[in-house]
Amino acid sequence: MYHAFLITAQFVLSATLVLSAAWSPFPVLGFLFASPGIGLAVWAWLTMGLRRLRIHPSTTEQTQLITRGPYAFVRHPMYTGLLWFTVALLPAPFAWWRIVMWFVLLSVLIAKTHEEERAMCGRFPEYTSYRQQVGGLFPKLDRHGESRK
């Protein structure tokens, strides 16, 4: 039930942010700011395999631990891409409720990552090491502000 709530909340919040965005008068500019998020999510999907995409924060017998491509930089690149895409849409039109919705979306995705990570740690003993080396939603930085990868 909790997973169904997280999935539903993710889609409702994302759709509301996308559908409430005003793509004019600067549709090209909005797309330029949003496109890296789209690109990251698509790269993650292609790296994972088009048929392996799951929205449920659990594992199956077919689940694999992927640490290449965007997964070498962040453990949840599809969520990172979604956050990037939706935050790029926030200025048009500016509304406090849209900003609040984005932070609620962030909270939902963090909760989903906790559920996924619990399942991944149970299925893959090496996930703990991967988790220590690679950031969750954002790349880990060394003390000089550079990405570890």
Protein backbone atom coordinates (compact mmCIF):
# COMPACT_ATOMS: atom_id res chain seq x y z
CA MET A 1 0.00 0.00 0.00
CA TYR A 2 2.84 2.38 0.88
CA HIS A 3 4.58 1.67 -2.43
CA ALA A 4 1.34 2.32 -4.33
CA PHE A 5 1.02 5.65 -2.53
CA LEU A 6 4.60 6.64 -3.47
CA ILE A 7 4.11 5.67 -7.11
CA THR A 8 0.79 7.49 -7.37
CA ALA A 9 2.18 10.60 -5.66
CA GLN A 10 5.21 10.63 -7.97
CA PHE A 11 3.06 10.53 -11.10
CA VAL A 12 0.41 12.98 -9.90
CA LEU A 13 2.97 15.53 -8.72
CA SER A 14 5.12 15.18 -11.85
CA ALA A 15 2.15 15.45 -14.19
CA THR A 16 0.78 18.47 -12.34
CA LEU A 17 4.12 20.27 -12.57
CA VAL A 18 4.51 19.48 -16.28
CA LEU A 19 0.92 20.27 -17.24
CA SER A 20 0.83 23.51 -15.22
CA ALA A 21 4.01 24.83 -16.86
CA ALA A 22 3.66 27.67 -19.33
CA TRP A 23 5.85 26.74 -22.25
CA SER A 24 5.45 30.16 -23.79
CA PRO A 25 6.65 32.83 -24.39
CA PHE A 26 10.05 31.09 -24.24
CA PRO A 27 9.47 27.45 -25.19
CA VAL A 28 13.00 26.98 -26.52
CA LEU A 29 14.58 28.35 -23.35
CA GLY A 30 12.38 26.16 -21.14
CA PHE A 31 13.24 23.10 -23.20
CA LEU A 32 16.96 23.93 -23.07
CA PHE A 33 16.91 24.08 -19.27
CA ALA A 34 14.80 20.93 -18.99
CA SER A 35 16.55 18.82 -21.65
CA PRO A 36 19.55 17.68 -19.53
CA GLY A 37 17.08 16.11 -17.09
CA ILE A 38 15.29 14.37 -19.93
CA GLY A 39 18.63 13.24 -21.37
CA LEU A 40 19.82 11.83 -18.04
CA ALA A 41 16.61 9.85 -17.53
CA VAL A 42 16.68 8.48 -21.08
CA TRP A 43 20.39 7.57 -20.74
CA ALA A 44 19.58 5.67 -17.53
CA TRP A 45 16.67 3.89 -19.17
CA LEU A 46 18.79 2.86 -22.16
CA THR A 47 21.62 1.71 -19.86
CA MET A 48 19.20 -0.36 -17.80
CA GLY A 49 17.47 -1.81 -20.83
CA LEU A 50 14.18 -0.72 -22.29
CA ARG A 51 12.32 -3.75 -20.92
CA ARG A 52 13.74 -3.56 -17.40
CA LEU A 53 12.10 -0.28 -16.43
CA ARG A 54 10.10 -0.66 -13.22
CA ILE A 55 8.20 1.96 -11.28
CA HIS A 56 7.79 -0.21 -8.19
CA PRO A 57 10.51 0.32 -5.54
CA SER A 58 11.31 -3.37 -5.12
CA THR A 59 13.44 -6.05 -6.73
CA THR A 60 12.55 -9.13 -8.75
CA GLU A 61 14.53 -12.16 -9.88
CA GLN A 62 15.44 -10.22 -13.04
CA THR A 63 16.78 -7.20 -11.14
CA GLN A 64 20.43 -6.48 -11.87
CA LEU A 65 22.84 -4.14 -10.14
CA ILE A 66 23.89 -1.63 -12.79
CA THR A 67 26.89 0.57 -11.99
CA ARG A 68 27.85 1.84 -15.45
CA GLY A 69 26.65 4.79 -17.50
CA PRO A 70 24.77 7.35 -15.41
CA TYR A 71 24.66 4.83 -12.54
CA ALA A 72 28.39 5.45 -12.10
CA PHE A 73 27.56 9.01 -11.00
CA VAL A 74 24.23 8.68 -9.18
CA ARG A 75 22.34 5.62 -7.93
CA HIS A 76 18.95 6.97 -9.05
CA PRO A 77 19.53 8.84 -12.32
CA MET A 78 15.93 8.57 -13.50
CA TYR A 79 14.74 10.35 -10.38
CA THR A 80 17.53 12.90 -10.73
CA GLY A 81 16.47 13.48 -14.34
CA LEU A 82 12.85 13.91 -13.32
CA LEU A 83 13.80 16.40 -10.60
CA TRP A 84 16.00 18.36 -13.02
CA PHE A 85 13.28 18.40 -15.68
CA THR A 86 10.57 19.56 -13.29
CA VAL A 87 12.68 22.17 -11.49
CA ALA A 88 13.49 23.71 -14.87
CA LEU A 89 9.75 24.23 -15.38
CA LEU A 90 9.14 26.02 -12.07
CA PRO A 91 9.78 29.63 -13.20
CA ALA A 92 7.03 29.54 -15.82
CA PRO A 93 4.68 30.51 -14.36
CA PHE A 94 6.05 31.33 -10.94
CA ALA A 95 3.66 30.17 -8.24
CA TRP A 96 4.39 29.20 -4.65
CA TRP A 97 2.16 26.14 -4.86
CA ARG A 98 4.28 24.77 -7.72
CA ILE A 99 7.45 25.18 -5.67
CA VAL A 100 5.80 23.41 -2.73
CA MET A 101 4.72 20.61 -5.07
CA TRP A 102 8.29 20.22 -6.32
CA PHE A 103 9.56 19.83 -2.76
CA VAL A 104 6.83 17.30 -2.05
CA LEU A 105 7.93 15.44 -5.20
CA LEU A 106 11.50 15.52 -3.91
CA SER A 107 10.32 14.06 -0.59
CA VAL A 108 8.38 11.31 -2.36
CA LEU A 109 11.39 10.38 -4.48
CA ILE A 110 13.64 10.31 -1.42
CA ALA A 111 11.15 7.95 0.26
CA LYS A 112 11.13 5.79 -2.88
CA THR A 113 14.93 5.67 -2.92
CA HIS A 114 14.92 4.44 0.69
CA GLU A 115 12.54 1.63 -0.25
CA GLU A 116 14.57 0.70 -3.35
CA GLU A 117 17.85 0.79 -1.46
CA ARG A 118 16.52 -1.46 1.29
CA ALA A 119 15.52 -4.00 -1.38
CA MET A 120 18.82 -3.65 -3.27
CA CYS A 121 20.89 -4.12 -0.10
CA GLY A 122 18.95 -7.30 0.63
CA ARG A 123 19.50 -8.68 -2.86
CA PHE A 124 23.05 -7.51 -3.63
CA PRO A 125 25.69 -7.59 -0.85
CA GLU A 126 27.95 -5.36 -3.00
CA TYR A 127 25.30 -2.62 -3.02
CA THR A 128 26.59 -1.31 0.32
CA SER A 129 30.00 -0.58 -1.21
CA TYR A 130 28.40 0.97 -4.31
CA ARG A 131 26.26 3.13 -2.04
CA GLN A 132 29.31 4.43 -0.21
CA GLN A 133 31.05 5.39 -3.46
CA VAL A 134 28.19 6.83 -5.54
CA GLY A 135 25.72 9.56 -4.60
CA GLY A 136 21.98 8.87 -4.42
CA LEU A 137 20.20 11.67 -6.27
CA PHE A 138 23.23 13.92 -6.67
CA PRO A 139 26.85 12.98 -7.41
CA LYS A 140 29.12 12.71 -4.41
CA LEU A 141 31.76 15.39 -4.34
CA ASP A 142 35.21 15.13 -2.84
CA ARG A 143 36.34 17.80 -0.40
CA HIS A 144 37.53 19.97 -3.29
CA GLY A 145 34.06 20.08 -4.85
CA GLU A 146 34.85 17.66 -7.69
CA SER A 147 32.82 14.61 -8.59
CA ARG A 148 34.36 11.36 -7.39
CA LYS A 149 33.78 9.72 -10.77
